[in-house]
C-alpha atoms as a PDB file:
ATOM      1  CA  MET A   1       0.028   0.041   0.118  1.00  0.00           C
ATOM      2  CA  ILE A   2       1.546   3.312  -0.993  1.00  0.00           C
ATOM      3  CA  ARG A   3       0.528   6.167   1.170  1.00  0.00           C
ATOM      4  CA  LEU A   4      -0.399   9.504   0.571  1.00  0.00           C
ATOM      5  CA  PRO A   5       2.430  12.142   0.585  1.00  0.00           C
ATOM      6  CA  THR A   6       3.432  14.060   3.837  1.00  0.00           C
ATOM      7  CA  VAL A   7       3.761  17.452   4.945  1.00  0.00           C
ATOM      8  CA  ILE A   8       5.542  18.468   8.201  1.00  0.00           C
ATOM      9  CA  LEU A   9       3.584  20.951  10.460  1.00  0.00           C
ATOM     10  CA  GLU A  10       5.166  21.955  13.813  1.00  0.00           C
ATOM     11  CA  GLY A  11       7.411  18.950  13.669  1.00  0.00           C
ATOM     12  CA  LYS A  12       4.598  16.426  13.176  1.00  0.00           C
ATOM     13  CA  LYS A  13       3.674  14.551   9.955  1.00  0.00           C
ATOM     14  CA  LEU A  14       0.532  15.396   8.412  1.00  0.00           C
ATOM     15  CA  PRO A  15      -0.885  13.737   4.982  1.00  0.00           C
ATOM     16  CA  ARG A  16      -1.051  16.505   2.061  1.00  0.00           C
ATOM     17  CA  MET A  17      -4.696  15.289   1.892  1.00  0.00           C
ATOM     18  CA  ILE A  18      -7.100  14.702   4.729  1.00  0.00           C
ATOM     19  CA  LEU A  19     -10.332  12.970   3.978  1.00  0.00           C
ATOM     20  CA  SER A  20     -13.735  14.650   5.095  1.00  0.00           C
ATOM     21  CA  ILE A  21     -16.050  11.861   4.845  1.00  0.00           C
ATOM     22  CA  GLN A  22     -19.826  12.491   4.314  1.00  0.00           C
ATOM     23  CA  SER A  23     -22.639   9.857   4.770  1.00  0.00           C
ATOM     24  CA  SER A  24     -25.308   9.960   2.383  1.00  0.00           C
ATOM     25  CA  SER A  25     -27.935  10.127   5.005  1.00  0.00           C
ATOM     26  CA  PRO A  26     -27.957  11.142   8.678  1.00  0.00           C
ATOM     27  CA  ARG A  27     -29.535   7.413   9.174  1.00  0.00           C
ATOM     28  CA  ARG A  28     -26.421   5.783   7.528  1.00  0.00           C
ATOM     29  CA  ASP A  29     -23.878   6.833   9.689  1.00  0.00           C
ATOM     30  CA  GLN A  30     -22.345   3.646   9.512  1.00  0.00           C
ATOM     31  CA  GLU A  31     -21.108   4.437   6.202  1.00  0.00           C
ATOM     32  CA  ILE A  32     -18.447   6.829   7.708  1.00  0.00           C
ATOM     33  CA  TYR A  33     -16.576   3.953   9.227  1.00  0.00           C
ATOM     34  CA  SER A  34     -16.821   1.863   6.140  1.00  0.00           C
ATOM     35  CA  LEU A  35     -15.389   4.597   3.919  1.00  0.00           C
ATOM     36  CA  MET A  36     -12.603   5.271   6.592  1.00  0.00           C
ATOM     37  CA  GLU A  37     -11.742   1.676   6.472  1.00  0.00           C
ATOM     38  CA  LYS A  38     -11.856   1.426   2.749  1.00  0.00           C
ATOM     39  CA  THR A  39      -9.958   4.604   2.070  1.00  0.00           C
ATOM     40  CA  TYR A  40      -7.377   3.587   4.795  1.00  0.00           C
ATOM     41  CA  GLU A  41      -6.628   0.471   2.768  1.00  0.00           C
ATOM     42  CA  MET A  42      -6.203   2.566  -0.291  1.00  0.00           C
ATOM     43  CA  GLY A  43      -3.346   4.697   1.217  1.00  0.00           C
ATOM     44  CA  ALA A  44      -5.223   7.676   3.239  1.00  0.00           C
ATOM     45  CA  TRP A  45      -4.152   8.196   6.794  1.00  0.00           C
ATOM     46  CA  GLY A  46      -5.722  11.531   7.842  1.00  0.00           C
ATOM     47  CA  PHE A  47      -9.256  12.236   8.351  1.00  0.00           C
ATOM     48  CA  ASP A  48     -11.498  15.414   9.140  1.00  0.00           C
ATOM     49  CA  LEU A  49     -13.387  14.803  12.487  1.00  0.00           C
ATOM     50  CA  PRO A  50     -16.314  17.621  12.243  1.00  0.00           C
ATOM     51  CA  SER A  51     -18.472  15.635  14.495  1.00  0.00           C
ATOM     52  CA  SER A  52     -18.550  13.369  17.667  1.00  0.00           C
ATOM     53  CA  LYS A  53     -19.581  10.364  15.279  1.00  0.00           C
ATOM     54  CA  HIS A  54     -16.560  10.909  13.052  1.00  0.00           C
ATOM     55  CA  LEU A  55     -14.211  10.958  16.446  1.00  0.00           C
ATOM     56  CA  LYS A  56     -15.923   7.754  17.333  1.00  0.00           C
ATOM     57  CA  TYR A  57     -15.274   5.695  14.152  1.00  0.00           C
ATOM     58  CA  PHE A  58     -11.748   7.271  13.772  1.00  0.00           C
ATOM     59  CA  LYS A  59     -11.105   5.627  17.393  1.00  0.00           C
ATOM     60  CA  GLU A  60     -12.467   2.383  16.137  1.00  0.00           C
ATOM     61  CA  LEU A  61     -10.252   2.317  13.028  1.00  0.00           C
ATOM     62  CA  LYS A  62      -7.313   3.104  15.056  1.00  0.00           C
ATOM     63  CA  ASN A  63      -7.931   0.385  17.528  1.00  0.00           C
ATOM     64  CA  VAL A  64      -8.564  -1.986  14.735  1.00  0.00           C
ATOM     65  CA  THR A  65      -5.407  -1.062  12.682  1.00  0.00           C
ATOM     66  CA  VAL A  66      -3.188  -0.300  15.526  1.00  0.00           C
ATOM     67  CA  ASP A  67      -1.680   2.195  13.293  1.00  0.00           C
ATOM     68  CA  ASP A  68      -0.147   5.075  15.507  1.00  0.00           C
ATOM     69  CA  THR A  69       0.453   7.229  12.305  1.00  0.00           C
ATOM     70  CA  LEU A  70      -3.240   7.601  11.746  1.00  0.00           C
ATOM     71  CA  ILE A  71      -4.298  11.126  12.561  1.00  0.00           C
ATOM     72  CA  GLY A  72      -7.615  13.184  12.640  1.00  0.00           C
ATOM     73  CA  LEU A  73      -8.458  16.734  12.828  1.00  0.00           C
ATOM     74  CA  CYS A  74     -11.244  17.525  15.302  1.00  0.00           C
ATOM     75  CA  HIS A  75     -13.171  20.996  15.203  1.00  0.00           C
ATOM     76  CA  PHE A  76     -13.374  23.346  18.008  1.00  0.00           C
ATOM     77  CA  GLU A  77     -15.931  26.207  17.600  1.00  0.00           C
ATOM     78  CA  VAL A  78     -14.576  29.212  19.458  1.00  0.00           C
ATOM     79  CA  GLU A  79     -18.001  30.419  20.333  1.00  0.00           C
ATOM     80  CA  VAL A  80     -17.856  28.202  23.456  1.00  0.00           C
ATOM     81  CA  GLY A  81     -15.192  30.562  24.721  1.00  0.00           C
ATOM     82  CA  VAL A  82     -16.933  33.788  24.612  1.00  0.00           C
ATOM     83  CA  SER A  83     -19.636  35.509  26.627  1.00  0.00           C
ATOM     84  CA  TYR A  84     -21.530  38.724  26.727  1.00  0.00           C
ATOM     85  CA  LEU A  85     -23.099  39.614  30.301  1.00  0.00           C
ATOM     86  CA  GLY A  86     -22.322  36.376  31.568  1.00  0.00           C
ATOM     87  CA  LYS A  87     -24.303  34.486  28.901  1.00  0.00           C
ATOM     88  CA  PRO A  88     -23.103  32.462  25.849  1.00  0.00           C
ATOM     89  CA  LEU A  89     -22.557  34.953  22.930  1.00  0.00           C
ATOM     90  CA  HIS A  90     -24.496  32.565  20.539  1.00  0.00           C
ATOM     91  CA  ARG A  91     -27.449  33.862  22.363  1.00  0.00           C
ATOM     92  CA  PHE A  92     -26.781  37.242  20.968  1.00  0.00           C
ATOM     93  CA  GLU A  93     -26.209  35.781  17.422  1.00  0.00           C
ATOM     94  CA  SER A  94     -28.833  37.965  15.531  1.00  0.00           C
ATOM     95  CA  LYS A  95     -27.198  41.074  17.232  1.00  0.00           C
ATOM     96  CA  VAL A  96     -23.668  39.928  16.328  1.00  0.00           C
ATOM     97  CA  ILE A  97     -24.793  39.386  12.509  1.00  0.00           C
ATOM     98  CA  SER A  98     -26.470  42.725  12.314  1.00  0.00           C
ATOM     99  CA  THR A  99     -23.499  44.358  13.662  1.00  0.00           C
ATOM    100  CA  ILE A 100     -21.247  42.896  11.032  1.00  0.00           C
ATOM    101  CA  LYS A 101     -23.682  43.442   8.351  1.00  0.00           C
ATOM    102  CA  LYS A 102     -24.207  47.061   9.200  1.00  0.00           C
ATOM    103  CA  GLU A 103     -20.719  48.368  10.144  1.00  0.00           C
ATOM    104  CA  LEU A 104     -18.197  45.872   8.095  1.00  0.00           C
ATOM    105  CA  LEU A 105     -19.466  44.405   5.084  1.00  0.00           C
ATOM    106  CA  PRO A 106     -20.551  45.890   1.823  1.00  0.00           C
ATOM    107  CA  SER A 107     -24.368  44.841   1.265  1.00  0.00           C
ATOM    108  CA  HIS A 108     -23.593  43.051  -1.958  1.00  0.00           C
ATOM    109  CA  LEU A 109     -21.494  40.519   0.069  1.00  0.00           C
ATOM    110  CA  ILE A 110     -23.711  40.009   2.826  1.00  0.00           C
ATOM    111  CA  ARG A 111     -25.423  36.806   1.378  1.00  0.00           C
ATOM    112  CA  GLU A 112     -21.941  35.103   0.894  1.00  0.00           C
ATOM    113  CA  ILE A 113     -20.685  35.348   4.425  1.00  0.00           C
ATOM    114  CA  LEU A 114     -23.390  35.684   6.829  1.00  0.00           C
ATOM    115  CA  PRO A 115     -26.534  33.605   7.309  1.00  0.00           C
ATOM    116  CA  PRO A 116     -29.940  35.470   7.129  1.00  0.00           C
ATOM    117  CA  SER A 117     -31.319  37.267   9.937  1.00  0.00           C
ATOM    118  CA  SER A 118     -33.976  39.493  11.089  1.00  0.00           C
ATOM    119  CA  PRO A 119     -33.033  43.187  11.620  1.00  0.00           C
ATOM    120  CA  VAL A 120     -32.200  44.053  15.239  1.00  0.00           C
ATOM    121  CA  GLU A 121     -30.063  46.271  17.186  1.00  0.00           C
ATOM    122  CA  VAL A 122     -26.407  46.432  16.784  1.00  0.00           C
ATOM    123  CA  PHE A 123     -23.452  46.320  19.321  1.00  0.00           C
ATOM    124  CA  THR A 124     -22.077  49.349  20.442  1.00  0.00           C
ATOM    125  CA  GLN A 125     -18.378  49.619  20.700  1.00  0.00           C
ATOM    126  CA  LYS A 126     -18.826  49.536  24.487  1.00  0.00           C
ATOM    127  CA  GLU A 127     -20.649  46.447  24.219  1.00  0.00           C
ATOM    128  CA  ILE A 128     -18.160  44.843  22.070  1.00  0.00           C
ATOM    129  CA  ASP A 129     -15.602  45.430  24.693  1.00  0.00           C
ATOM    130  CA  ARG A 130     -17.783  43.649  27.036  1.00  0.00           C
ATOM    131  CA  ILE A 131     -17.588  40.570  25.337  1.00  0.00           C
ATOM    132  CA  THR A 132     -15.333  38.258  27.591  1.00  0.00           C
ATOM    133  CA  PHE A 133     -13.488  34.902  27.484  1.00  0.00           C
ATOM    134  CA  ASP A 134     -15.484  32.210  29.321  1.00  0.00           C
ATOM    135  CA  SER A 135     -12.745  29.800  30.593  1.00  0.00           C
ATOM    136  CA  LEU A 136     -15.104  27.512  32.458  1.00  0.00           C
ATOM    137  CA  ARG A 137     -17.145  26.659  29.383  1.00  0.00           C
ATOM    138  CA  PHE A 138     -14.025  26.708  26.993  1.00  0.00           C
ATOM    139  CA  ASP A 139     -12.039  24.292  29.201  1.00  0.00           C
ATOM    140  CA  ASN A 140     -14.964  21.922  29.443  1.00  0.00           C
ATOM    141  CA  ALA A 141     -15.458  21.892  25.765  1.00  0.00           C
ATOM    142  CA  LEU A 142     -11.720  21.222  25.102  1.00  0.00           C
ATOM    143  CA  SER A 143     -11.594  18.491  27.813  1.00  0.00           C
ATOM    144  CA  LEU A 144     -13.805  16.368  25.068  1.00  0.00           C
ATOM    145  CA  PHE A 145     -10.482  16.066  23.219  1.00  0.00           C
ATOM    146  CA  ASP A 146      -7.349  14.225  23.650  1.00  0.00           C
ATOM    147  CA  PRO A 147      -4.067  15.558  21.919  1.00  0.00           C
ATOM    148  CA  LYS A 148      -2.426  12.046  22.210  1.00  0.00           C
ATOM    149  CA  GLU A 149      -5.394  10.860  19.792  1.00  0.00           C
ATOM    150  CA  THR A 150      -6.043  14.010  17.647  1.00  0.00           C
ATOM    151  CA  PRO A 151      -2.975  16.424  17.994  1.00  0.00           C
ATOM    152  CA  PHE A 152      -4.162  18.801  15.499  1.00  0.00           C
ATOM    153  CA  LEU A 153      -7.171  20.879  16.230  1.00  0.00           C
ATOM    154  CA  LEU A 154      -9.320  23.257  13.804  1.00  0.00           C
ATOM    155  CA  VAL A 155      -9.912  26.326  15.766  1.00  0.00           C
ATOM    156  CA  GLY A 156     -12.260  28.852  14.667  1.00  0.00           C
ATOM    157  CA  GLU A 157     -15.420  27.986  12.522  1.00  0.00           C
ATOM    158  CA  LYS A 158     -17.763  31.161  11.730  1.00  0.00           C
ATOM    159  CA  TYR A 159     -17.170  32.712  15.335  1.00  0.00           C
ATOM    160  CA  GLY A 160     -13.540  32.977  14.500  1.00  0.00           C
ATOM    161  CA  ASP A 161     -14.505  35.143  11.625  1.00  0.00           C
ATOM    162  CA  TRP A 162     -17.140  37.057  13.532  1.00  0.00           C
ATOM    163  CA  LEU A 163     -14.767  37.733  16.504  1.00  0.00           C
ATOM    164  CA  LEU A 164     -12.062  39.201  13.795  1.00  0.00           C
ATOM    165  CA  ALA A 165     -14.783  41.160  12.326  1.00  0.00           C
ATOM    166  CA  LEU A 166     -15.602  42.671  15.811  1.00  0.00           C
ATOM    167  CA  GLY A 167     -12.072  43.548  16.313  1.00  0.00           C
ATOM    168  CA  ARG A 168     -11.684  41.028  19.230  1.00  0.00           C
ATOM    169  CA  ILE A 169      -8.658  39.086  18.175  1.00  0.00           C
ATOM    170  CA  ASP A 170      -7.394  39.335  22.000  1.00  0.00           C
ATOM    171  CA  LEU A 171     -10.234  36.650  22.767  1.00  0.00           C
ATOM    172  CA  LEU A 172      -8.755  34.464  19.828  1.00  0.00           C
ATOM    173  CA  HIS A 173      -5.031  34.960  21.334  1.00  0.00           C
ATOM    174  CA  GLU A 174      -6.518  33.526  24.684  1.00  0.00           C
ATOM    175  CA  MET A 175      -8.263  30.652  23.069  1.00  0.00           C
ATOM    176  CA  VAL A 176      -5.009  29.578  21.004  1.00  0.00           C
ATOM    177  CA  SER A 177      -3.110  29.999  24.056  1.00  0.00           C
ATOM    178  CA  ARG A 178      -5.061  27.508  26.033  1.00  0.00           C
ATOM    179  CA  VAL A 179      -5.400  25.076  23.403  1.00  0.00           C
ATOM    180  CA  LYS A 180      -1.641  24.850  22.907  1.00  0.00           C
ATOM    181  CA  LYS A 181      -1.101  24.769  26.896  1.00  0.00           C
ATOM    182  CA  LYS A 182      -3.295  21.571  26.619  1.00  0.00           C
ATOM    183  CA  GLY A 183      -0.918  19.971  24.119  1.00  0.00           C
ATOM    184  CA  PHE A 184      -2.620  20.642  20.816  1.00  0.00           C
ATOM    185  CA  LEU A 185      -1.405  22.203  17.707  1.00  0.00           C
ATOM    186  CA  PRO A 186      -4.090  24.699  16.595  1.00  0.00           C
ATOM    187  CA  ILE A 187      -5.045  25.409  12.843  1.00  0.00           C
ATOM    188  CA  PHE A 188      -7.152  28.488  12.587  1.00  0.00           C
ATOM    189  CA  SER A 189     -10.208  27.695  10.400  1.00  0.00           C
ATOM    190  CA  GLY A 190     -11.864  30.731   8.631  1.00  0.00           C
ATOM    191  CA  GLN A 191     -14.227  31.337   5.715  1.00  0.00           C
ATOM    192  CA  TRP A 192     -12.935  34.431   3.812  1.00  0.00           C
ATOM    193  CA  ALA A 193      -9.406  34.189   2.689  1.00  0.00           C
ATOM    194  CA  THR A 194      -8.783  37.972   1.833  1.00  0.00           C
ATOM    195  CA  PHE A 195     -10.116  39.012   5.103  1.00  0.00           C
ATOM    196  CA  VAL A 196      -9.071  36.273   7.671  1.00  0.00           C
ATOM    197  CA  LEU A 197      -5.550  35.777   6.670  1.00  0.00           C
ATOM    198  CA  PRO A 198      -4.372  39.293   7.338  1.00  0.00           C
ATOM    199  CA  LYS A 199      -6.365  39.684  10.136  1.00  0.00           C
ATOM    200  CA  ALA A 200      -5.534  36.345  11.898  1.00  0.00           C
ATOM    201  CA  LYS A 201      -1.788  36.317  10.838  1.00  0.00           C
ATOM    202  CA  PRO A 202      -0.749  37.243  14.658  1.00  0.00           C
ATOM    203  CA  LEU A 203      -2.185  34.132  15.943  1.00  0.00           C
ATOM    204  CA  ASP A 204       0.177  31.600  17.083  1.00  0.00           C
ATOM    205  CA  VAL A 205      -1.215  28.512  14.990  1.00  0.00           C
ATOM    206  CA  ALA A 206       0.284  25.947  13.017  1.00  0.00           C
ATOM    207  CA  ALA A 207      -1.623  26.642  10.008  1.00  0.00           C
ATOM    208  CA  TYR A 208      -4.571  28.504   8.379  1.00  0.00           C
ATOM    209  CA  ALA A 209      -7.625  26.433   6.992  1.00  0.00           C
ATOM    210  CA  ILE A 210      -9.623  28.516   4.409  1.00  0.00           C
ATOM    211  CA  PRO A 211     -12.098  27.627   1.469  1.00  0.00           C
ATOM    212  CA  ILE A 212     -10.135  28.220  -1.799  1.00  0.00           C
ATOM    213  CA  ASN A 213     -10.121  26.023  -4.918  1.00  0.00           C
ATOM    214  CA  LYS A 214      -9.556  26.386  -8.818  1.00  0.00           C
ATOM    215  CA  LYS A 215     -13.271  27.699  -9.109  1.00  0.00           C
ATOM    216  CA  ARG A 216     -13.931  29.953  -6.779  1.00  0.00           C
ATOM    217  CA  SER A 217     -13.042  31.599  -3.210  1.00  0.00           C
ATOM    218  CA  LEU A 218     -14.955  33.995  -0.953  1.00  0.00           C
ATOM    219  CA  PHE A 219     -15.274  36.437  -2.478  1.00  0.00           C
ATOM    220  CA  ASP A 220     -12.646  37.152  -5.357  1.00  0.00           C
ATOM    221  CA  LEU A 221     -10.596  34.161  -6.408  1.00  0.00           C
ATOM    222  CA  ARG A 222      -7.879  36.386  -8.112  1.00  0.00           C
ATOM    223  CA  GLN A 223      -7.585  38.554  -4.895  1.00  0.00           C
ATOM    224  CA  ALA A 224      -7.449  35.419  -2.573  1.00  0.00           C
ATOM    225  CA  SER A 225      -4.808  33.823  -4.912  1.00  0.00           C
ATOM    226  CA  LEU A 226      -2.793  36.958  -4.353  1.00  0.00           C
ATOM    227  CA  VAL A 227      -3.032  36.914  -0.854  1.00  0.00           C
ATOM    228  CA  ILE A 228      -2.361  33.173  -0.237  1.00  0.00           C
ATOM    229  CA  LYS A 229       0.986  33.464  -2.396  1.00  0.00           C
ATOM    230  CA  LYS A 230       2.172  36.132  -0.454  1.00  0.00           C
ATOM    231  CA  PHE A 231       1.338  34.772   2.987  1.00  0.00           C
ATOM    232  CA  ASP A 232       4.368  33.384   4.813  1.00  0.00           C
ATOM    233  CA  LYS A 233       2.745  30.888   6.918  1.00  0.00           C
ATOM    234  CA  PRO A 234       1.218  27.412   6.053  1.00  0.00           C
ATOM    235  CA  VAL A 235      -2.244  27.414   4.286  1.00  0.00           C
ATOM    236  CA  ILE A 236      -4.430  24.383   4.326  1.00  0.00           C
ATOM    237  CA  SER A 237      -7.332  24.405   1.451  1.00  0.00           C
ATOM    238  CA  LEU A 238     -10.706  23.558   2.458  1.00  0.00           C
ATOM    239  CA  ASN A 239     -13.469  22.393  -0.203  1.00  0.00           C
ATOM    240  CA  PRO A 240     -10.418  21.878  -2.783  1.00  0.00           C
ATOM    241  CA  LEU A 241     -12.756  20.362  -5.436  1.00  0.00           C
ATOM    242  CA  ALA A 242     -15.630  22.860  -5.100  1.00  0.00           C
ATOM    243  CA  ASP A 243     -18.426  20.676  -3.804  1.00  0.00           C
ATOM    244  CA  GLY A 244     -17.499  17.763  -6.119  1.00  0.00           C
ATOM    245  CA  SER A 245     -17.784  19.928  -9.256  1.00  0.00           C
ATOM    246  CA  LEU A 246     -13.931  19.664  -9.767  1.00  0.00           C
ATOM    247  CA  LEU A 247     -13.874  15.898  -9.111  1.00  0.00           C
ATOM    248  CA  ASN A 248     -13.337  14.981 -12.772  1.00  0.00           C
ATOM    249  CA  GLU A 249     -10.481  17.717 -13.067  1.00  0.00           C
ATOM    250  CA  SER A 250      -8.987  16.915  -9.571  1.00  0.00           C
ATOM    251  CA  GLU A 251      -5.368  16.487 -10.913  1.00  0.00           C
ATOM    252  CA  GLU A 252      -5.529  20.172 -12.220  1.00  0.00           C
ATOM    253  CA  ALA A 253      -7.346  21.235  -9.226  1.00  0.00           C
ATOM    254  CA  PHE A 254      -4.730  19.882  -6.803  1.00  0.00           C
ATOM    255  CA  SER A 255      -1.960  21.027  -9.195  1.00  0.00           C
ATOM    256  CA  PHE A 256      -3.436  24.691  -8.916  1.00  0.00           C
ATOM    257  CA  LEU A 257      -3.428  24.525  -5.039  1.00  0.00           C
ATOM    258  CA  PHE A 258      -0.142  22.612  -4.423  1.00  0.00           C
ATOM    259  CA  ASP A 259       2.096  23.904  -7.453  1.00  0.00           C
ATOM    260  CA  GLU A 260       0.655  27.567  -8.031  1.00  0.00           C
ATOM    261  CA  LEU A 261      -0.632  28.574  -4.555  1.00  0.00           C
ATOM    262  CA  LYS A 262       1.863  26.461  -2.639  1.00  0.00           C
ATOM    263  CA  VAL A 263      -0.546  25.291  -0.137  1.00  0.00           C
ATOM    264  CA  TYR A 264       0.479  22.651   2.417  1.00  0.00           C
ATOM    265  CA  ALA A 265      -2.499  20.371   2.401  1.00  0.00           C
ATOM    266  CA  VAL A 266      -6.221  19.999   1.472  1.00  0.00           C
ATOM    267  CA  ILE A 267      -9.243  18.882   3.333  1.00  0.00           C
ATOM    268  CA  ALA A 268     -11.395  16.957   0.783  1.00  0.00           C
ATOM    269  CA  GLU A 269     -15.033  15.775   1.074  1.00  0.00           C
ATOM    270  CA  ILE A 270     -15.991  12.471  -0.328  1.00  0.00           C
ATOM    271  CA  THR A 271     -19.369  10.557  -0.253  1.00  0.00           C
ATOM    272  CA  SER A 272     -18.375   7.316  -1.857  1.00  0.00           C
ATOM    273  CA  GLU A 273     -15.622   4.791  -2.072  1.00  0.00           C
ATOM    274  CA  GLY A 274     -15.267   5.758  -5.980  1.00  0.00           C
ATOM    275  CA  GLU A 275     -14.848   9.389  -5.039  1.00  0.00           C
ATOM    276  CA  GLY A 276     -12.074   8.529  -2.472  1.00  0.00           C
ATOM    277  CA  LYS A 277     -10.448   5.986  -4.879  1.00  0.00           C
ATOM    278  CA  LYS A 278     -10.193   8.633  -7.514  1.00  0.00           C
ATOM    279  CA  ILE A 279      -8.809  11.523  -5.544  1.00  0.00           C
ATOM    280  CA  ILE A 280      -6.325   9.307  -3.670  1.00  0.00           C
ATOM    281  CA  GLU A 281      -5.010   8.008  -6.922  1.00  0.00           C
ATOM    282  CA  VAL A 282      -4.426  11.530  -8.058  1.00  0.00           C
ATOM    283  CA  LEU A 283      -2.612  12.648  -4.770  1.00  0.00           C
ATOM    284  CA  LYS A 284      -0.189   9.953  -4.931  1.00  0.00           C
ATOM    285  CA  LYS A 285       1.270  11.977  -8.027  1.00  0.00           C
ATOM    286  CA  PHE A 286       2.406  15.016  -5.952  1.00  0.00           C
ATOM    287  CA  PRO A 287       5.306  14.782  -3.877  1.00  0.00           C
ATOM    288  CA  SER A 288       5.632  15.307  -0.081  1.00  0.00           C
ATOM    289  CA  LEU A 289       6.530  18.722   1.408  1.00  0.00           C
ATOM    290  CA  ILE A 290       9.507  19.232   3.774  1.00  0.00           C
ATOM    291  CA  PRO A 291       9.260  22.798   4.683  1.00  0.00           C
ATOM    292  CA  HIS A 292      12.673  24.547   5.261  1.00  0.00           C
ATOM    293  CA  HIS A 293      13.810  25.506   8.546  1.00  0.00           C
ATOM    294  CA  ARG A 294      13.889  29.345   9.424  1.00  0.00           C
ATOM    295  CA  THR A 295      16.782  30.634  10.751  1.00  0.00           C
END
């Protein structure tokens, strides 16, 4: 079995393609384990773990294979670490969205980055300043993961972008610091390359994961490509095959990401054994990436 090529992040090996396995129906979750097992036999050894079910099946696969090189990427939504007036910030989500819509985004871009919401009042700057780090909820949520099982942790999700938009990168600094102290290697996960990469660059993370592919990026593919090419920290592509529309052009799609944009790795969704086989065979054509040590 020929394994997928490797990249080194923070001294740890990671496959250049992490598979994000999707079941065809919520009632057929066992498909997740079946596809993990089959793609592992094809050479895959890294899996995206966006839910507790994915993590459960990943642990089963690791126990069955007794393969310590298997690696998983769990997701950690930073919303669990922020409160406003002593209450979880998600209870004020409509107000957060309204604030970002009104103060930060051009109207023609709103539908691309924010969920729909009813018009409500917005946060004042003084109220934004009162958003605080909730250490108890944060530590409780983080305790569900084990750095020995899943050393890399995708940190951010939508609230990562939103906290950056509200100017509260200090909260993200605190959360990244806590994650590292627990032994994890954080990867910041965002939605909007041209906004997230410059704003989040000061964070002490192993890499940045953002949606980028040959077909599109939020919002301007050309501008996003320029930002990534100039960015001097590791970037991981989310949705490299554009929701499957580039599946039959996967070699060109990966070449664009690896050779032109110089991304370190990709997280690719698959829903069938056939899709997995196709992209795994393509990925094996690309070399491993051993970054030069900075002096």
